[in-house]
Amino acid sequence: MAGGLLALILPSVIVWASTTSRSSKELSKLPTNDVALVLGTTPKVGNRANNYFTYRIDAAEKLYKAGKVKYLLLSGANPSLYYNEPQKMKEALVSRGVPTEKIILDYAGLRTLDSVIRAKEIFGANNVTIVSQAFHNHRALYIANHIGLDANAYNAQDVSLQYSLRIKAREILARIRVMLDLYITNTQPKFLGEKQILPLDAPSSSLE
């Protein structure tokens, strides 16, 4: 019983302890990086707004307008014409005044692991600021550390416990899975493909 409980909890402790120093909700504590990797989610849950989405967009806007990053890499799932996380994030950010040419879309961020690995391997990012809620950022940072991607994280506002308890519980299982992915199965993104190097020194050209 005790061994099973330890196996359940230990991955979460390791992920948190090894990444907490590189994660912050305060802009002043973040370095200036080339790219913000904004992790996707759906803008709505049923008929109501998804606060995870809203708060990540808030954080990405603040990060860009504070001059902490040059580009926003929006990574999420796009399984059909009717579900497109990166495009919805782009629309939200453009409506807030973020220039289109500073936004790059990654339509193949099917999982956090895919998004982080693709940021390095497909988009050529050398240093990133990951944007999501704190519990999610810790797992993304753990993946980044494992693959040698220089990363920090900006913690978006969290969602009230009323709406987040189930997702927080699922995060325990997600951290177990990330250990299996990285150390046992060496799981790779479902899609890689041709490189789309970020135009960090170019005047401006949106890559989509």
Protein backbone atom coordinates (compact mmCIF):
# COMPACT_ATOMS: atom_id res chain seq x y z
CA MET A 1 0.00 0.00 0.00
CA ALA A 2 2.71 2.44 1.03
CA GLY A 3 4.79 1.48 -2.00
CA GLY A 4 1.87 2.09 -4.35
CA LEU A 5 1.19 5.49 -2.79
CA LEU A 6 4.86 6.42 -3.13
CA ALA A 7 4.89 5.39 -6.79
CA LEU A 8 1.84 7.58 -7.33
CA ILE A 9 3.16 10.67 -5.57
CA LEU A 10 6.93 10.54 -6.22
CA PRO A 11 6.82 11.65 -9.90
CA SER A 12 4.82 14.74 -8.94
CA VAL A 13 7.31 15.63 -6.22
CA ILE A 14 10.27 15.16 -8.57
CA VAL A 15 8.69 17.24 -11.33
CA TRP A 16 7.78 20.06 -8.95
CA ALA A 17 11.07 20.12 -7.02
CA SER A 18 13.25 20.15 -10.13
CA THR A 19 11.39 22.97 -11.91
CA THR A 20 9.87 25.28 -9.32
CA SER A 21 12.85 27.68 -9.37
CA ARG A 22 12.34 28.31 -13.11
CA SER A 23 8.64 29.12 -12.86
CA SER A 24 7.13 32.43 -11.75
CA LYS A 25 3.94 34.49 -11.88
CA GLU A 26 5.94 37.72 -11.68
CA LEU A 27 7.18 39.25 -14.96
CA SER A 28 10.08 40.98 -13.23
CA LYS A 29 11.58 37.62 -12.26
CA LEU A 30 11.59 36.26 -15.82
CA PRO A 31 14.51 36.51 -18.25
CA THR A 32 14.10 37.92 -21.75
CA ASN A 33 13.80 34.99 -24.15
CA ASP A 34 13.34 34.68 -27.90
CA VAL A 35 10.03 32.86 -27.81
CA ALA A 36 7.01 32.26 -25.63
CA LEU A 37 5.64 28.75 -26.04
CA VAL A 38 1.95 29.12 -25.25
CA LEU A 39 0.35 25.75 -24.53
CA GLY A 40 -3.07 25.31 -26.06
CA THR A 41 -6.48 24.43 -24.73
CA THR A 42 -10.03 24.91 -25.94
CA PRO A 43 -11.55 28.40 -25.59
CA LYS A 44 -14.87 27.00 -24.38
CA VAL A 45 -16.10 24.13 -22.25
CA GLY A 46 -19.63 23.47 -23.37
CA ASN A 47 -21.30 26.86 -23.60
CA ARG A 48 -19.09 28.67 -21.11
CA ALA A 49 -15.71 30.31 -21.49
CA ASN A 50 -12.74 28.18 -20.48
CA ASN A 51 -10.77 30.19 -17.93
CA TYR A 52 -7.64 28.13 -18.58
CA PHE A 53 -7.68 29.51 -22.12
CA THR A 54 -8.55 33.09 -21.08
CA TYR A 55 -5.85 33.28 -18.41
CA ARG A 56 -3.17 31.85 -20.74
CA ILE A 57 -4.05 34.48 -23.33
CA ASP A 58 -3.86 37.15 -20.61
CA ALA A 59 -0.39 35.92 -19.65
CA ALA A 60 0.88 35.68 -23.24
CA GLU A 61 -0.30 39.23 -23.95
CA LYS A 62 1.41 40.59 -20.83
CA LEU A 63 4.63 38.73 -21.58
CA TYR A 64 4.84 40.02 -25.16
CA LYS A 65 3.86 43.62 -24.37
CA ALA A 66 6.41 43.72 -21.53
CA GLY A 67 9.13 42.95 -24.10
CA LYS A 68 10.03 39.66 -22.45
CA VAL A 69 9.76 37.70 -25.72
CA LYS A 70 10.07 38.46 -29.45
CA TYR A 71 7.60 35.89 -30.75
CA LEU A 72 4.65 33.87 -29.54
CA LEU A 73 4.63 30.21 -30.59
CA LEU A 74 1.07 29.01 -30.11
CA SER A 75 1.00 25.23 -29.87
CA GLY A 76 -2.09 23.08 -29.70
CA ALA A 77 -4.31 20.54 -31.38
CA ASN A 78 -6.05 20.98 -34.72
CA PRO A 79 -7.86 17.67 -35.36
CA SER A 80 -10.65 19.06 -37.55
CA LEU A 81 -12.06 22.13 -39.29
CA TYR A 82 -14.16 22.75 -36.21
CA TYR A 83 -11.47 22.48 -33.54
CA ASN A 84 -8.33 24.54 -33.87
CA GLU A 85 -6.59 25.62 -30.67
CA PRO A 86 -3.69 27.57 -32.24
CA GLN A 87 -6.00 29.57 -34.51
CA LYS A 88 -8.32 30.47 -31.62
CA MET A 89 -5.35 31.61 -29.54
CA LYS A 90 -4.10 33.71 -32.45
CA GLU A 91 -7.48 35.36 -32.92
CA ALA A 92 -7.66 36.22 -29.23
CA LEU A 93 -4.16 37.71 -29.17
CA VAL A 94 -4.57 39.70 -32.40
CA SER A 95 -7.78 41.18 -30.99
CA ARG A 96 -5.66 42.45 -28.08
CA GLY A 97 -3.15 44.16 -30.34
CA VAL A 98 -0.42 41.56 -30.71
CA PRO A 99 0.97 41.85 -34.30
CA THR A 100 0.13 38.93 -36.56
CA GLU A 101 3.72 38.75 -37.78
CA LYS A 102 4.91 38.04 -34.24
CA ILE A 103 2.71 34.96 -33.95
CA ILE A 104 3.71 31.48 -35.14
CA LEU A 105 1.28 28.59 -35.10
CA ASP A 106 2.09 24.97 -34.32
CA TYR A 107 -0.92 22.86 -35.24
CA ALA A 108 0.67 19.58 -34.07
CA GLY A 109 0.92 20.26 -30.35
CA LEU A 110 -1.26 17.27 -29.56
CA ARG A 111 0.31 16.78 -26.13
CA THR A 112 2.57 18.86 -23.91
CA LEU A 113 5.45 16.58 -24.84
CA ASP A 114 4.80 17.21 -28.55
CA SER A 115 4.65 20.98 -28.05
CA VAL A 116 7.93 21.18 -26.13
CA ILE A 117 9.93 18.86 -28.36
CA ARG A 118 8.59 20.48 -31.53
CA ALA A 119 9.54 23.95 -30.24
CA LYS A 120 13.16 22.81 -30.26
CA GLU A 121 13.30 20.30 -33.11
CA ILE A 122 10.91 21.85 -35.64
CA PHE A 123 10.95 25.56 -34.83
CA GLY A 124 14.57 25.75 -33.74
CA ALA A 125 13.93 27.54 -30.46
CA ASN A 126 17.00 27.80 -28.24
CA ASN A 127 15.36 29.51 -25.27
CA VAL A 128 11.68 29.74 -24.43
CA THR A 129 9.28 31.03 -21.83
CA ILE A 130 6.49 28.50 -21.43
CA VAL A 131 3.04 29.91 -20.75
CA SER A 132 0.36 27.93 -18.93
CA GLN A 133 -0.92 27.44 -15.40
CA ALA A 134 1.74 26.60 -12.81
CA PHE A 135 0.88 22.91 -12.42
CA HIS A 136 1.11 22.45 -16.20
CA ASN A 137 4.26 24.55 -16.53
CA HIS A 138 6.17 22.31 -14.13
CA ARG A 139 5.59 19.28 -16.33
CA ALA A 140 6.46 21.20 -19.50
CA LEU A 141 9.66 22.49 -17.89
CA TYR A 142 10.60 18.98 -16.86
CA ILE A 143 10.34 17.85 -20.48
CA ALA A 144 12.34 20.89 -21.64
CA ASN A 145 15.10 20.16 -19.13
CA HIS A 146 15.24 16.55 -20.29
CA ILE A 147 15.73 17.46 -23.96
CA GLY A 148 18.19 20.28 -23.31
CA LEU A 149 15.89 23.20 -24.13
CA ASP A 150 16.67 26.32 -22.10
CA ALA A 151 13.28 27.18 -20.62
CA ASN A 152 11.57 29.25 -17.98
CA ALA A 153 7.85 29.51 -17.36
CA TYR A 154 5.35 32.29 -16.79
CA ASN A 155 2.50 31.08 -14.62
CA ALA A 156 -0.90 32.19 -15.85
CA GLN A 157 -3.62 32.84 -13.29
CA ASP A 158 -4.97 29.60 -11.91
CA VAL A 159 -8.59 28.51 -12.12
CA SER A 160 -10.72 28.25 -8.98
CA LEU A 161 -10.66 24.90 -7.19
CA GLN A 162 -14.33 24.40 -8.04
CA TYR A 163 -13.42 24.01 -11.71
CA SER A 164 -9.90 22.66 -11.44
CA LEU A 165 -10.01 19.79 -8.94
CA ARG A 166 -10.51 17.08 -11.56
CA ILE A 167 -7.75 18.49 -13.79
CA LYS A 168 -5.36 18.76 -10.85
CA ALA A 169 -6.05 15.12 -10.02
CA ARG A 170 -5.37 14.13 -13.63
CA GLU A 171 -2.04 15.97 -13.44
CA ILE A 172 -0.77 13.34 -10.98
CA LEU A 173 -1.29 10.70 -13.65
CA ALA A 174 0.17 12.97 -16.34
CA ARG A 175 3.40 13.26 -14.37
CA ILE A 176 3.64 9.50 -14.05
CA ARG A 177 3.12 9.24 -17.79
CA VAL A 178 5.82 11.79 -18.54
CA MET A 179 8.32 9.68 -16.58
CA LEU A 180 7.36 6.66 -18.67
CA ASP A 181 7.53 8.72 -21.89
CA LEU A 182 10.99 10.10 -21.17
CA TYR A 183 12.73 7.21 -19.46
CA ILE A 184 11.01 4.02 -20.54
CA THR A 185 9.40 4.37 -23.97
CA ASN A 186 11.35 7.38 -25.32
CA THR A 187 8.09 8.70 -26.77
CA GLN A 188 8.40 11.21 -29.62
CA PRO A 189 5.86 13.66 -31.05
CA LYS A 190 3.22 12.12 -33.28
CA PHE A 191 4.20 14.56 -36.03
CA LEU A 192 7.61 16.08 -36.74
CA GLY A 193 8.16 16.91 -40.41
CA GLU A 194 10.19 19.72 -41.97
CA LYS A 195 11.82 22.39 -39.87
CA GLN A 196 10.22 25.84 -39.73
CA ILE A 197 12.95 27.93 -38.16
CA LEU A 198 11.72 30.98 -36.29
CA PRO A 199 12.59 34.27 -38.06
CA LEU A 200 14.18 35.76 -34.95
CA ASP A 201 16.44 38.12 -36.87
CA ALA A 202 14.14 38.70 -39.81
CA PRO A 203 11.98 41.83 -40.12
CA SER A 204 8.64 39.98 -39.82
CA SER A 205 6.91 37.15 -41.49
CA SER A 206 4.32 34.95 -39.89
CA LEU A 207 4.95 31.24 -40.13
CA GLU A 208 1.84 29.11 -39.99
